[in-house]
Amino acid sequence: MRKSDLLSNHTPYEASLTRYRLFMEKAFTAQRVIRTATEKKDLAESVLLRLCANWEKFVDEHLVDCVNCDHSKLSEYLGVSVPRHPPKHLCEALIFGGGYKDFRSFGDLKGFSRKILPKDSNPFLAISKSRGKRIDEAYKIRNYLAHYSSAAKRALKYMYKKEYDINRFVEPGRFLFAYDGRRMWRYFDTFEGASTDMKDWITT
């Protein structure tokens, strides 16, 4: 049975990032349909949610494909016998158990990948520490936007102070929109860079 092509996931994932980046570039300069700063801030928040959702989809698909290529560590981790050439749907069931795996941080994702993938079959380990840190930042924003809970707000406020020396709570759209969207573009660069790190590992 043919094994998964690990590079194939990167093409649609990076295409989605490019599409949203071009969309945001148009939005930042728009003067007609999206005219006000408030509208642009709302849009920036919506796009950040989509960046995180596309990253999650990419991660899930990539974990499945990596196990499809080398399931030795997963078999050991679960303590079960896995067919020599497991189909992708079986790999998915073994990893996620028919449910959803919520990675609370990039470190959580790396830790889980180490449990189910051998080191020499694990492209997630190639993602730089600095990019992992920025992904965690994006997820603190995402968690607040998804729930508006007091706990998510506290976590975001702490991130603002620790990483940006901002001592008050700032709504995410305003934070992302500041300095001509510099922070928004940095998150785009982070997610694209993580994909590049993984591709470089695969092709070397």
Protein backbone atom coordinates (compact mmCIF):
# COMPACT_ATOMS: atom_id res chain seq x y z
CA MET A 1 0.00 0.00 0.00
CA ARG A 2 1.26 3.45 -0.90
CA LYS A 3 2.31 5.57 2.08
CA SER A 4 1.27 9.18 2.60
CA ASP A 5 3.16 11.96 0.89
CA LEU A 6 4.05 14.27 3.78
CA LEU A 7 4.63 17.25 1.49
CA SER A 8 1.12 17.07 0.05
CA ASN A 9 -0.50 18.63 3.16
CA HIS A 10 1.62 21.73 2.89
CA THR A 11 0.25 22.86 -0.48
CA PRO A 12 -3.40 23.44 0.52
CA TYR A 13 -2.36 24.74 3.95
CA GLU A 14 0.03 27.32 2.53
CA ALA A 15 -2.49 28.23 -0.17
CA SER A 16 -5.02 29.09 2.54
CA LEU A 17 -2.45 31.26 4.33
CA THR A 18 -1.65 33.08 1.10
CA ARG A 19 -5.34 33.62 0.39
CA TYR A 20 -5.99 35.12 3.84
CA ARG A 21 -2.84 37.24 3.69
CA LEU A 22 -3.88 38.77 0.35
CA PHE A 23 -7.38 39.27 1.71
CA MET A 24 -6.06 41.09 4.79
CA GLU A 25 -3.74 43.24 2.67
CA LYS A 26 -6.76 44.39 0.67
CA ALA A 27 -8.73 44.99 3.86
CA PHE A 28 -6.03 47.11 5.47
CA THR A 29 -5.93 49.45 2.48
CA ALA A 30 -9.67 49.40 1.72
CA GLN A 31 -11.47 52.74 1.86
CA ARG A 32 -14.94 51.84 0.62
CA VAL A 33 -16.56 48.63 1.84
CA ILE A 34 -14.32 48.25 4.90
CA ARG A 35 -13.65 51.84 5.82
CA THR A 36 -13.48 52.21 9.58
CA ALA A 37 -10.78 51.05 11.97
CA THR A 38 -13.43 49.13 13.95
CA GLU A 39 -14.48 47.15 10.88
CA LYS A 40 -10.85 46.34 10.08
CA LYS A 41 -10.20 45.24 13.66
CA ASP A 42 -13.24 42.95 13.54
CA LEU A 43 -11.93 41.49 10.31
CA ALA A 44 -8.44 40.95 11.74
CA GLU A 45 -9.94 38.99 14.64
CA SER A 46 -11.98 36.83 12.27
CA VAL A 47 -8.96 36.07 10.10
CA LEU A 48 -6.82 35.15 13.12
CA LEU A 49 -9.49 32.61 14.12
CA ARG A 50 -9.27 31.13 10.63
CA LEU A 51 -5.46 30.99 10.77
CA CYS A 52 -5.69 28.92 13.94
CA ALA A 53 -8.43 26.68 12.53
CA ASN A 54 -6.40 25.98 9.39
CA TRP A 55 -3.34 25.21 11.52
CA GLU A 56 -5.36 22.69 13.57
CA LYS A 57 -6.64 21.00 10.42
CA PHE A 58 -3.11 20.85 9.02
CA VAL A 59 -1.71 19.41 12.28
CA ASP A 60 -4.39 16.70 12.45
CA GLU A 61 -3.84 15.66 8.84
CA HIS A 62 -0.08 15.68 9.25
CA LEU A 63 -0.15 13.55 12.40
CA VAL A 64 -2.25 10.98 10.54
CA ASP A 65 0.08 10.95 7.53
CA CYS A 66 3.19 10.68 9.71
CA VAL A 67 1.72 7.66 11.52
CA ASN A 68 0.70 6.21 8.16
CA CYS A 69 4.37 6.39 7.16
CA ASP A 70 5.76 5.05 10.46
CA HIS A 71 3.43 3.63 13.09
CA SER A 72 6.08 1.86 15.19
CA LYS A 73 6.03 4.37 18.07
CA LEU A 74 2.24 4.63 18.11
CA SER A 75 1.94 0.84 18.30
CA GLU A 76 4.32 0.85 21.26
CA TYR A 77 2.53 3.80 22.91
CA LEU A 78 -0.92 2.21 22.65
CA GLY A 79 0.31 -1.31 23.32
CA VAL A 80 -1.54 -2.70 20.31
CA SER A 81 -0.58 -4.45 17.12
CA VAL A 82 -0.99 -2.28 14.03
CA PRO A 83 -1.12 -3.71 10.49
CA ARG A 84 2.07 -3.29 8.49
CA HIS A 85 0.33 -0.92 6.07
CA PRO A 86 -2.49 0.73 8.06
CA PRO A 87 -5.00 2.75 6.03
CA LYS A 88 -5.27 6.42 6.91
CA HIS A 89 -8.70 6.07 8.50
CA LEU A 90 -7.27 3.51 10.92
CA CYS A 91 -4.35 5.81 11.74
CA GLU A 92 -6.82 8.61 12.43
CA ALA A 93 -8.93 6.39 14.71
CA LEU A 94 -5.87 5.24 16.64
CA ILE A 95 -4.63 8.80 17.17
CA PHE A 96 -7.88 10.60 17.92
CA GLY A 97 -10.19 7.79 18.99
CA GLY A 98 -13.04 9.18 16.93
CA GLY A 99 -12.88 12.47 18.86
CA TYR A 100 -11.01 15.75 18.96
CA LYS A 101 -7.57 16.25 20.47
CA ASP A 102 -7.15 19.69 22.01
CA PHE A 103 -3.52 20.76 22.18
CA ARG A 104 -3.33 23.45 24.86
CA SER A 105 0.02 24.77 23.65
CA PHE A 106 2.66 24.15 21.04
CA GLY A 107 4.66 22.30 23.70
CA ASP A 108 1.65 20.04 24.23
CA LEU A 109 1.60 19.24 20.50
CA LYS A 110 5.34 18.51 20.45
CA GLY A 111 5.03 16.33 23.52
CA PHE A 112 2.20 14.30 22.01
CA SER A 113 4.05 13.94 18.71
CA ARG A 114 7.05 12.52 20.61
CA LYS A 115 4.78 9.88 22.16
CA ILE A 116 3.43 8.60 18.84
CA LEU A 117 6.24 9.31 16.35
CA PRO A 118 9.89 8.21 16.28
CA LYS A 119 12.32 11.13 16.36
CA ASP A 120 13.46 10.50 12.80
CA SER A 121 9.82 10.46 11.60
CA ASN A 122 8.64 13.58 13.42
CA PRO A 123 8.69 16.86 11.42
CA PHE A 124 6.97 18.74 14.25
CA LEU A 125 10.27 18.72 16.15
CA ALA A 126 11.81 20.83 13.37
CA ILE A 127 9.60 23.84 14.13
CA SER A 128 11.69 26.49 15.85
CA LYS A 129 11.15 27.43 19.47
CA SER A 130 10.48 31.06 18.54
CA ARG A 131 7.72 30.04 16.12
CA GLY A 132 6.21 27.75 18.74
CA LYS A 133 6.12 30.71 21.11
CA ARG A 134 4.32 32.89 18.55
CA ILE A 135 1.82 30.11 17.83
CA ASP A 136 1.04 30.02 21.55
CA GLU A 137 0.47 33.78 21.45
CA ALA A 138 -1.95 33.42 18.56
CA TYR A 139 -3.83 30.76 20.51
CA LYS A 140 -4.18 32.98 23.56
CA ILE A 141 -5.87 35.50 21.29
CA ARG A 142 -7.92 32.76 19.66
CA ASN A 143 -9.08 31.37 23.02
CA TYR A 144 -10.30 34.77 24.13
CA LEU A 145 -12.12 35.40 20.85
CA ALA A 146 -13.71 31.95 20.98
CA HIS A 147 -14.99 32.21 24.57
CA TYR A 148 -14.67 35.76 25.95
CA SER A 149 -14.18 34.08 29.32
CA SER A 150 -12.53 35.81 32.25
CA ALA A 151 -9.84 33.10 32.37
CA ALA A 152 -9.00 33.59 28.67
CA LYS A 153 -8.95 37.34 29.19
CA ARG A 154 -6.51 37.03 32.10
CA ALA A 155 -4.22 34.77 30.07
CA LEU A 156 -4.26 37.22 27.17
CA LYS A 157 -3.63 40.20 29.44
CA TYR A 158 -0.66 38.38 30.98
CA MET A 159 0.74 37.67 27.50
CA TYR A 160 0.40 41.34 26.56
CA LYS A 161 2.38 42.39 29.64
CA LYS A 162 5.04 39.69 29.44
CA GLU A 163 5.74 39.82 25.71
CA TYR A 164 4.79 43.40 24.74
CA ASP A 165 4.99 45.40 27.97
CA ILE A 166 1.32 46.39 27.61
CA ASN A 167 -0.07 46.91 31.10
CA ARG A 168 -3.77 47.09 30.28
CA PHE A 169 -6.15 44.82 28.44
CA VAL A 170 -6.46 45.57 24.74
CA GLU A 171 -9.10 44.02 22.52
CA PRO A 172 -7.39 41.64 20.05
CA GLY A 173 -8.45 43.56 16.95
CA ARG A 174 -6.79 46.70 18.22
CA PHE A 175 -3.68 44.76 19.22
CA LEU A 176 -3.44 43.11 15.77
CA PHE A 177 -4.24 46.29 13.87
CA ALA A 178 -1.62 48.47 15.61
CA TYR A 179 1.53 49.60 13.79
CA ASP A 180 -0.01 49.00 10.34
CA GLY A 181 -0.89 45.43 11.26
CA ARG A 182 2.69 44.47 12.10
CA ARG A 183 1.60 41.92 14.68
CA MET A 184 -0.97 40.38 12.36
CA TRP A 185 1.66 39.92 9.65
CA ARG A 186 4.00 38.38 12.23
CA TYR A 187 1.44 35.67 12.98
CA PHE A 188 1.04 35.00 9.27
CA ASP A 189 4.83 34.68 9.03
CA THR A 190 4.86 32.35 12.04
CA PHE A 191 2.36 29.86 10.63
CA GLU A 192 4.02 29.97 7.20
CA GLY A 193 7.45 29.56 8.80
CA ALA A 194 6.32 26.53 10.78
CA SER A 195 5.26 24.88 7.53
CA THR A 196 8.60 25.78 5.95
CA ASP A 197 10.53 24.31 8.91
CA MET A 198 8.66 21.05 8.48
CA LYS A 199 9.12 20.94 4.71
CA ASP A 200 12.84 21.60 5.06
CA TRP A 201 13.09 18.70 7.51
CA ILE A 202 11.20 16.39 5.14
CA THR A 203 13.33 17.24 2.11
CA THR A 204 16.75 17.08 3.78
